[in-house]
Amino acid sequence: MQIKRFTSLVLLAICTVVQGQVLRDTVVHNYLKSVQISPEGEPLDFPAYELGARKGLQLSFDDLAYEWNNYSYRIFHCTKNWEKSDLLINQYLIGFKGNYLNNFAISVGTFVPYTHYSIKFPNEETKPRVSGNYVIEIFQNDDPNDLIIRRRFIVYENLVVPSLSVSRAVDLENFSTQQQVSANVNLTDYPVQDYFMDLDVSILQNRRWNNSKNNLKPTFINDGLLSYNFMGSESFDGGIEFHTFDTKRLNQVGLGVKTSRLDTCWEVYLYENKNQSISVYSFQNDINGRRFYNRADVGNPDLAGDYCWVEFYFESPELATPAYVYGQLSDWELLPEFKLDYQIERGAYSKKVLLKQGYYNYVFAHSDQKGGISTALTEGTHWQTRNDYTLIMYNRSMGLRYDRIIGYFKPSQAL
């Protein structure tokens, strides 16, 4: 299908993002499912693209409204704090700012029909010119105010190589529950005039932006070697190892699945989990809250992966605060569709959620007194828990009009 390309003049006219607005990941409609952005062929990886590399990123999602929609995309450059930057389009992009989303196909052989959309970038129409924070937005009906999806990603330059380690928190109050991160960055080959004014570091736990520690400064400097020790308010709750379930084969009982049955669509019932808020640490393998979509008996799970109602079950006294199913499956947010319902007669919470076939991690979480997200009342939190940590180093020297990313520590299990 030949789709008419946007002109740069039209794109300039429809640029409506408000300066100073913090741009966060967003999915507006509940019929849009399985939104994913990652490096091509690596669905579990952090959405980071090395400037000038051949291998790019891919954004995909399913539209369960099951009808063709006129979707378009556009890309913005952002500051280190995820506000739209001051750069003009031709200062951060080569080519067009966006275009129609014309790569789509209808699901094949599924009980729940959907249309699968995807886009790869950089592409022939759009390439980043500079490093930094970026967002890609999907909107419909040629109206950029009719936003349906937003996803964040980074473009980095491999100019410095950070190293990172994780240890138990040293303060007595959080000694058993928190982890502190330490990092070293060698800048002897990348001269910086003012290490405190020109450089900032962000640390992410398990690839999450909603609890990241930002605008961090070095603790020690020695001949271009910067040392960071993030303690106190810059420490992270250890959390727990995530629960797992596997629905790649719906006609067989997968990991974490108690039973499944086919009615008008598949229904999957998971094993019960009990409140572990006062339990000791227990090791189990996980993928740190992530998920990937797959169907084991077909070649293309993007189009043949079916949707099923998954019932979560959490045995616990009723809590004073609402509890949620939480992880990448919920976009790392406490979303209404993942809010658990308490059943007094069973003494437990439960919730059914429509999810695509795949392999999932999850925990039960709640909001804390500081407005954050915690597992302290549902699962506990332990310093021994294995977590992934990402480090991003930003540079804005005198005369530079944007926050350049000069270093990126790819997530790894540091514990």
Protein backbone atom coordinates (compact mmCIF):
# COMPACT_ATOMS: atom_id res chain seq x y z
CA MET A 1 0.00 0.00 0.00
CA GLN A 2 1.46 3.32 -1.04
CA ILE A 3 1.03 5.92 1.67
CA LYS A 4 1.54 9.58 0.99
CA ARG A 5 4.43 11.03 2.95
CA PHE A 6 4.05 13.91 5.33
CA THR A 7 5.76 17.09 4.32
CA SER A 8 8.07 18.84 6.75
CA LEU A 9 5.87 21.94 6.55
CA VAL A 10 2.82 20.04 7.81
CA LEU A 11 4.86 18.41 10.55
CA LEU A 12 6.11 21.78 11.74
CA ALA A 13 2.54 23.06 11.84
CA ILE A 14 1.29 20.17 13.96
CA CYS A 15 4.04 20.25 16.58
CA THR A 16 1.99 20.85 19.73
CA VAL A 17 3.99 19.45 22.64
CA VAL A 18 4.12 22.07 25.38
CA GLN A 19 7.58 23.26 26.38
CA GLY A 20 8.38 22.18 29.94
CA GLN A 21 5.94 19.26 29.92
CA VAL A 22 7.50 16.03 31.22
CA LEU A 23 6.93 13.34 28.59
CA ARG A 24 6.18 9.91 30.09
CA ASP A 25 5.31 6.54 28.60
CA THR A 26 1.60 6.49 27.78
CA VAL A 27 -1.06 4.15 26.36
CA VAL A 28 -4.37 6.00 26.08
CA HIS A 29 -6.88 3.29 25.09
CA ASN A 30 -7.34 -0.14 26.67
CA TYR A 31 -7.86 -1.80 23.27
CA LEU A 32 -4.19 -1.10 22.49
CA LYS A 33 -2.20 -4.00 23.88
CA SER A 34 1.32 -5.47 23.97
CA VAL A 35 3.13 -2.18 23.35
CA GLN A 36 6.84 -2.82 23.11
CA ILE A 37 9.94 -0.83 22.19
CA SER A 38 13.35 -2.52 22.13
CA PRO A 39 16.41 -3.10 19.94
CA GLU A 40 15.56 -5.12 16.84
CA GLY A 41 15.51 -8.83 17.62
CA GLU A 42 16.15 -8.27 21.35
CA PRO A 43 12.73 -7.84 23.01
CA LEU A 44 14.12 -8.02 26.56
CA ASP A 45 16.70 -5.25 26.10
CA PHE A 46 16.53 -1.58 27.11
CA PRO A 47 15.50 0.76 24.24
CA ALA A 48 18.92 2.26 23.56
CA TYR A 49 20.38 2.99 20.11
CA GLU A 50 24.06 3.77 19.52
CA LEU A 51 24.31 6.79 17.22
CA GLY A 52 25.26 5.71 13.71
CA ALA A 53 24.83 1.97 14.32
CA ARG A 54 23.18 -0.20 11.67
CA LYS A 55 20.94 -2.04 14.12
CA GLY A 56 18.05 0.12 15.29
CA LEU A 57 14.97 -0.03 17.48
CA GLN A 58 11.49 -1.39 16.87
CA LEU A 59 8.15 -0.25 18.29
CA SER A 60 5.14 -2.55 17.97
CA PHE A 61 1.62 -2.89 19.37
CA ASP A 62 -1.68 -4.68 18.79
CA ASP A 63 -4.99 -2.94 18.11
CA LEU A 64 -7.81 -5.14 19.41
CA ALA A 65 -10.44 -2.88 17.85
CA TYR A 66 -9.64 -5.04 14.80
CA GLU A 67 -10.14 -2.37 12.18
CA TRP A 68 -7.76 -0.30 10.13
CA ASN A 69 -6.86 3.02 11.71
CA ASN A 70 -5.00 5.95 10.24
CA TYR A 71 -2.02 5.97 12.63
CA SER A 72 1.03 8.22 12.33
CA TYR A 73 4.22 8.69 14.32
CA ARG A 74 6.53 11.55 15.22
CA ILE A 75 9.80 11.78 17.14
CA PHE A 76 10.97 14.42 19.62
CA HIS A 77 14.34 15.17 21.16
CA CYS A 78 14.20 15.72 24.93
CA THR A 79 16.28 17.07 27.77
CA LYS A 80 17.80 14.83 30.44
CA ASN A 81 14.59 15.47 32.45
CA TRP A 82 12.29 14.35 29.58
CA GLU A 83 11.07 17.79 28.60
CA LYS A 84 11.07 18.72 24.92
CA SER A 85 14.47 20.20 24.06
CA ASP A 86 15.12 23.56 22.41
CA LEU A 87 16.60 22.01 19.27
CA LEU A 88 14.92 22.53 15.93
CA ILE A 89 13.86 19.43 13.99
CA ASN A 90 16.77 19.64 11.51
CA GLN A 91 19.20 19.95 14.43
CA TYR A 92 18.30 16.55 15.90
CA LEU A 93 16.90 14.59 12.94
CA ILE A 94 18.02 13.78 9.42
CA GLY A 95 14.95 13.60 7.21
CA PHE A 96 11.34 13.79 8.33
CA LYS A 97 10.04 14.10 11.87
CA GLY A 98 7.47 11.40 11.25
CA ASN A 99 5.21 9.64 8.80
CA TYR A 100 2.25 7.33 8.51
CA LEU A 101 2.46 3.98 10.25
CA ASN A 102 2.04 1.78 7.20
CA ASN A 103 3.48 -1.54 8.39
CA PHE A 104 0.51 -3.50 9.74
CA ALA A 105 -1.07 -6.94 9.39
CA ILE A 106 -4.10 -8.81 10.72
CA SER A 107 -3.72 -11.67 13.19
CA VAL A 108 -3.86 -15.23 11.88
CA GLY A 109 -5.75 -18.13 13.50
CA THR A 110 -6.42 -16.43 16.84
CA PHE A 111 -9.59 -16.55 18.93
CA VAL A 112 -9.12 -12.87 19.74
CA PRO A 113 -8.57 -10.95 16.47
CA TYR A 114 -6.29 -7.91 16.29
CA THR A 115 -4.20 -5.77 13.95
CA HIS A 116 -0.47 -5.75 14.61
CA TYR A 117 1.44 -2.51 13.89
CA SER A 118 5.19 -2.01 13.93
CA ILE A 119 7.85 0.49 12.93
CA LYS A 120 11.63 0.26 12.80
CA PHE A 121 13.85 3.30 13.25
CA PRO A 122 16.17 4.77 12.24
CA ASN A 123 14.75 4.21 8.76
CA GLU A 124 15.07 5.74 5.30
CA GLU A 125 12.85 8.65 6.32
CA THR A 126 14.08 9.42 9.84
CA LYS A 127 17.52 9.21 11.45
CA PRO A 128 18.80 10.85 14.66
CA ARG A 129 21.51 13.46 14.16
CA VAL A 130 22.55 13.81 17.81
CA SER A 131 22.46 11.72 20.97
CA GLY A 132 20.14 12.27 23.92
CA ASN A 133 16.73 11.36 25.27
CA TYR A 134 13.98 10.86 22.67
CA VAL A 135 10.29 10.00 22.57
CA ILE A 136 8.25 8.48 19.77
CA GLU A 137 4.54 9.26 19.71
CA ILE A 138 1.75 7.47 17.84
CA PHE A 139 -1.37 9.48 17.04
CA GLN A 140 -4.44 8.94 14.87
CA ASN A 141 -6.60 10.73 12.29
CA ASP A 142 -3.75 13.09 11.28
CA ASP A 143 -4.28 14.87 14.60
CA PRO A 144 -1.19 15.04 16.86
CA ASN A 145 -3.47 16.01 19.75
CA ASP A 146 -5.15 12.61 19.38
CA LEU A 147 -2.25 10.80 21.04
CA ILE A 148 -2.61 7.05 21.61
CA ILE A 149 0.91 5.84 22.54
CA ARG A 150 4.15 7.42 23.73
CA ARG A 151 7.41 5.58 24.40
CA ARG A 152 10.81 6.84 25.61
CA PHE A 153 14.18 5.71 24.28
CA ILE A 154 17.77 6.94 24.28
CA VAL A 155 20.35 7.55 21.58
CA TYR A 156 23.89 7.35 22.97
CA GLU A 157 27.51 7.83 21.96
CA ASN A 158 30.04 5.35 23.25
CA LEU A 159 32.60 7.97 24.32
CA VAL A 160 33.13 6.85 27.92
CA VAL A 161 32.61 3.42 29.45
CA PRO A 162 31.12 3.40 32.96
CA SER A 163 31.61 0.48 35.35
CA LEU A 164 29.05 -0.32 38.01
CA SER A 165 28.67 -2.42 41.14
CA VAL A 166 25.89 -3.03 43.66
CA SER A 167 26.12 -3.70 47.39
CA ARG A 168 24.08 -3.76 50.56
CA ALA A 169 22.97 -0.38 51.90
CA VAL A 170 25.22 0.86 54.70
CA ASP A 171 22.72 2.86 56.78
CA LEU A 172 21.23 0.81 59.63
CA GLU A 173 17.62 1.78 58.93
CA ASN A 174 17.69 0.21 55.43
CA PHE A 175 20.48 -2.32 55.97
CA SER A 176 18.22 -5.34 55.32
CA THR A 177 15.99 -3.90 52.58
CA GLN A 178 17.98 -1.65 50.25
CA GLN A 179 20.82 -1.74 47.71
CA GLN A 180 23.30 1.00 46.91
CA VAL A 181 24.99 1.49 43.56
CA SER A 182 28.59 2.56 43.00
CA ALA A 183 30.06 3.59 39.65
CA ASN A 184 33.36 4.67 38.12
CA VAL A 185 33.78 6.64 34.89
CA ASN A 186 37.15 7.37 33.26
CA LEU A 187 37.08 10.77 31.49
CA THR A 188 40.80 11.12 30.75
CA ASP A 189 40.07 10.79 27.01
CA TYR A 190 37.02 13.04 27.14
CA PRO A 191 38.01 16.40 28.64
CA VAL A 192 35.32 18.22 30.62
CA GLN A 193 35.68 21.77 31.91
CA ASP A 194 33.46 21.41 35.00
CA TYR A 195 32.69 17.90 36.24
CA PHE A 196 29.88 19.08 38.51
CA MET A 197 28.15 21.53 36.18
CA ASP A 198 28.64 19.77 32.83
CA LEU A 199 27.86 16.15 33.77
CA ASP A 200 24.81 14.34 35.14
CA VAL A 201 24.15 10.65 35.75
CA SER A 202 20.87 8.73 35.84
CA ILE A 203 20.54 5.26 37.40
CA LEU A 204 17.62 2.96 36.57
CA GLN A 205 16.63 -0.23 38.37
CA ASN A 206 15.24 -3.00 36.15
CA ARG A 207 14.96 -0.60 33.19
CA ARG A 208 12.29 1.50 34.95
CA TRP A 209 12.12 5.27 34.58
CA ASN A 210 9.51 5.75 37.32
CA ASN A 211 11.97 5.16 40.17
CA SER A 212 15.18 6.36 38.52
CA LYS A 213 17.72 8.48 40.40
CA ASN A 214 18.59 11.50 38.26
CA ASN A 215 20.99 14.44 38.05
CA LEU A 216 23.54 12.62 40.21
CA LYS A 217 26.98 14.12 40.84
CA PRO A 218 30.38 12.46 41.50
CA THR A 219 31.48 11.72 45.06
CA PHE A 220 35.23 11.80 44.27
CA ILE A 221 37.33 13.06 41.35
CA ASN A 222 40.94 12.00 40.77
CA ASP A 223 42.71 12.99 37.52
CA GLY A 224 39.66 12.46 35.34
CA LEU A 225 38.47 9.34 37.16
CA LEU A 226 35.02 9.99 38.60
CA SER A 227 33.67 7.87 41.44
CA TYR A 228 30.00 7.75 42.42
CA ASN A 229 28.61 6.27 45.64
CA PHE A 230 24.84 6.50 45.76
CA MET A 231 23.69 6.17 49.36
CA GLY A 232 20.78 7.28 51.53
CA SER A 233 17.99 8.73 49.37
CA GLU A 234 19.89 7.57 46.27
CA SER A 235 19.65 3.89 47.30
CA PHE A 236 17.05 1.49 45.89
CA ASP A 237 14.66 -0.90 47.60
CA GLY A 238 15.84 -4.40 46.82
CA GLY A 239 12.32 -5.73 46.24
CA ILE A 240 11.93 -9.48 45.65
CA GLU A 241 12.55 -11.99 42.90
CA PHE A 242 9.61 -11.88 40.48
CA HIS A 243 6.97 -14.56 39.99
CA THR A 244 6.84 -16.18 36.55
CA PHE A 245 4.22 -17.68 34.27
CA ASP A 246 4.50 -19.12 30.75
CA THR A 247 1.64 -19.18 28.24
CA LYS A 248 3.62 -19.94 25.08
CA ARG A 249 1.65 -23.23 24.77
CA LEU A 250 -1.96 -22.75 25.82
CA ASN A 251 -2.90 -26.40 25.30
CA GLN A 252 -0.28 -27.41 27.87
CA VAL A 253 0.30 -26.32 31.47
CA GLY A 254 3.27 -23.96 31.48
CA LEU A 255 5.48 -22.67 34.29
CA GLY A 256 3.40 -20.96 36.97
CA VAL A 257 0.11 -22.06 35.36
CA LYS A 258 -2.29 -24.18 37.41
CA THR A 259 -4.79 -24.89 34.64
CA SER A 260 -6.19 -23.45 31.42
CA ARG A 261 -9.34 -23.95 29.38
CA LEU A 262 -10.82 -22.81 26.08
CA ASP A 263 -14.22 -21.16 25.98
CA THR A 264 -14.84 -18.32 23.52
CA CYS A 265 -11.15 -17.57 24.12
CA TRP A 266 -8.44 -19.05 26.32
CA GLU A 267 -8.60 -18.65 30.11
CA VAL A 268 -5.48 -19.26 32.20
CA TYR A 269 -5.43 -19.72 35.99
CA LEU A 270 -2.14 -19.16 37.80
CA TYR A 271 -0.93 -20.79 40.99
CA GLU A 272 -1.78 -18.94 44.18
CA ASN A 273 0.81 -16.66 45.77
CA LYS A 274 0.77 -15.80 49.46
CA ASN A 275 1.64 -12.55 51.21
CA GLN A 276 5.39 -12.67 51.89
CA SER A 277 5.86 -9.30 53.57
CA ILE A 278 7.44 -10.85 56.68
CA SER A 279 9.17 -13.77 54.94
CA VAL A 280 12.93 -14.17 54.56
CA TYR A 281 14.61 -13.77 51.18
CA SER A 282 14.05 -16.65 48.75
CA PHE A 283 16.06 -17.05 45.55
CA GLN A 284 14.44 -17.91 42.24
CA ASN A 285 15.42 -17.26 38.63
CA ASP A 286 13.59 -14.41 36.93
CA ILE A 287 14.00 -11.81 34.20
CA ASN A 288 13.57 -8.86 36.57
CA GLY A 289 9.98 -8.01 35.84
CA ARG A 290 10.14 -8.12 32.07
CA ARG A 291 8.08 -10.09 29.55
CA PHE A 292 8.29 -11.20 25.95
CA TYR A 293 5.59 -12.34 23.57
CA ASN A 294 5.86 -15.76 22.01
CA ARG A 295 3.86 -18.74 20.81
CA ALA A 296 5.83 -21.97 20.76
CA ASP A 297 3.96 -23.83 18.01
CA VAL A 298 3.99 -21.18 15.23
CA GLY A 299 6.62 -19.30 13.27
CA ASN A 300 5.38 -15.72 13.71
CA PRO A 301 4.07 -14.98 17.22
CA ASP A 302 3.52 -11.31 16.30
CA LEU A 303 0.48 -12.35 14.24
CA ALA A 304 -0.35 -15.82 15.62
CA GLY A 305 0.06 -15.17 19.33
CA ASP A 306 -3.38 -15.37 20.90
CA TYR A 307 -4.81 -13.35 23.78
CA CYS A 308 -6.04 -15.08 26.94
CA TRP A 309 -7.64 -14.04 30.20
CA VAL A 310 -5.07 -14.64 32.94
CA GLU A 311 -6.33 -14.87 36.53
CA PHE A 312 -3.90 -13.79 39.26
CA TYR A 313 -4.51 -14.95 42.82
CA PHE A 314 -2.95 -13.36 45.93
CA GLU A 315 -3.72 -14.83 49.36
CA SER A 316 -3.44 -12.08 51.98
CA PRO A 317 -5.33 -10.22 54.67
CA GLU A 318 -7.02 -7.16 53.20
CA LEU A 319 -4.54 -4.29 53.07
CA ALA A 320 -5.20 -0.66 53.97
CA THR A 321 -4.00 0.36 50.50
CA PRO A 322 -5.01 -1.09 47.10
CA ALA A 323 -2.81 -3.86 45.67
CA TYR A 324 -1.94 -4.38 42.01
CA VAL A 325 -0.37 -6.86 39.61
CA TYR A 326 2.86 -5.10 38.66
CA GLY A 327 5.79 -5.36 36.25
CA GLN A 328 6.56 -4.60 32.63
CA LEU A 329 3.21 -6.23 31.84
CA SER A 330 1.57 -3.21 33.53
CA ASP A 331 3.99 -0.69 31.99
CA TRP A 332 5.64 -0.41 35.43
CA GLU A 333 2.58 1.51 36.65
CA LEU A 334 -0.27 0.81 39.09
CA LEU A 335 -2.98 0.69 36.43
CA PRO A 336 -6.73 0.32 37.09
CA GLU A 337 -7.01 -2.79 34.88
CA PHE A 338 -4.38 -4.50 37.10
CA LYS A 339 -5.95 -3.51 40.44
CA LEU A 340 -6.71 -6.59 42.54
CA ASP A 341 -10.22 -7.21 43.88
CA TYR A 342 -10.50 -8.50 47.45
CA GLN A 343 -12.82 -11.45 48.10
CA ILE A 344 -13.67 -11.66 51.79
CA GLU A 345 -15.02 -15.22 51.59
CA ARG A 346 -11.72 -16.46 50.09
CA GLY A 347 -9.45 -14.25 52.17
CA ALA A 348 -7.59 -13.35 49.01
CA TYR A 349 -7.24 -10.96 46.10
CA SER A 350 -7.79 -11.90 42.46
CA LYS A 351 -7.81 -10.26 39.04
CA LYS A 352 -8.30 -11.31 35.42
CA VAL A 353 -6.25 -9.49 32.79
CA LEU A 354 -6.21 -9.95 29.01
CA LEU A 355 -2.62 -10.71 27.95
CA LYS A 356 -0.90 -11.98 24.80
CA GLN A 357 0.81 -15.36 24.80
CA GLY A 358 4.34 -15.25 26.14
CA TYR A 359 6.64 -15.44 29.13
CA TYR A 360 5.93 -13.03 32.00
CA ASN A 361 7.33 -11.81 35.31
CA TYR A 362 5.18 -10.04 37.88
CA VAL A 363 4.84 -9.12 41.56
CA PHE A 364 2.05 -7.74 43.73
CA ALA A 365 2.69 -4.10 44.60
CA HIS A 366 1.10 -1.02 46.18
CA SER A 367 1.70 2.71 46.47
CA ASP A 368 3.81 3.97 49.36
CA GLN A 369 3.57 7.08 51.53
CA LYS A 370 5.93 9.01 49.26
CA GLY A 371 3.86 8.40 46.13
CA GLY A 372 6.18 5.69 44.87
CA ILE A 373 5.60 1.99 44.24
CA SER A 374 6.54 -0.66 46.81
CA THR A 375 6.25 -4.37 47.61
CA ALA A 376 6.88 -3.94 51.34
CA LEU A 377 3.30 -4.84 52.41
CA THR A 378 2.72 -7.56 49.81
CA GLU A 379 5.99 -9.32 49.01
CA GLY A 380 8.61 -7.75 51.28
CA THR A 381 11.88 -6.17 50.15
CA HIS A 382 15.36 -7.63 50.55
CA TRP A 383 18.88 -6.39 49.90
CA GLN A 384 19.88 -9.79 48.42
CA THR A 385 17.46 -9.55 45.47
CA ARG A 386 19.13 -9.65 42.06
CA ASN A 387 18.27 -6.54 40.04
CA ASP A 388 19.45 -5.00 36.79
CA TYR A 389 20.93 -1.49 36.84
CA THR A 390 21.39 0.94 33.95
CA LEU A 391 23.67 3.99 34.04
CA ILE A 392 23.32 6.90 31.60
CA MET A 393 25.81 9.79 31.58
CA TYR A 394 24.74 13.16 30.18
CA ASN A 395 27.02 16.05 29.16
CA ARG A 396 26.07 19.66 28.50
CA SER A 397 29.20 21.75 28.24
CA MET A 398 29.27 25.49 27.64
CA GLY A 399 27.84 26.28 24.21
CA LEU A 400 26.10 22.90 23.84
CA ARG A 401 22.32 23.35 23.48
CA TYR A 402 21.26 19.83 24.36
CA ASP A 403 21.97 17.03 26.84
CA ARG A 404 24.36 14.73 25.03
CA ILE A 405 24.59 11.08 26.16
CA ILE A 406 28.28 10.19 26.22
CA GLY A 407 28.12 6.96 28.23
CA TYR A 408 25.71 4.07 28.68
CA PHE A 409 26.12 1.07 30.97
CA LYS A 410 24.00 -1.71 29.53
CA PRO A 411 21.83 -3.39 32.19
CA SER A 412 23.35 -6.44 33.79
CA GLN A 413 22.71 -8.38 36.94
CA ALA A 414 25.27 -6.82 39.20
CA LEU A 415 24.40 -8.91 42.25
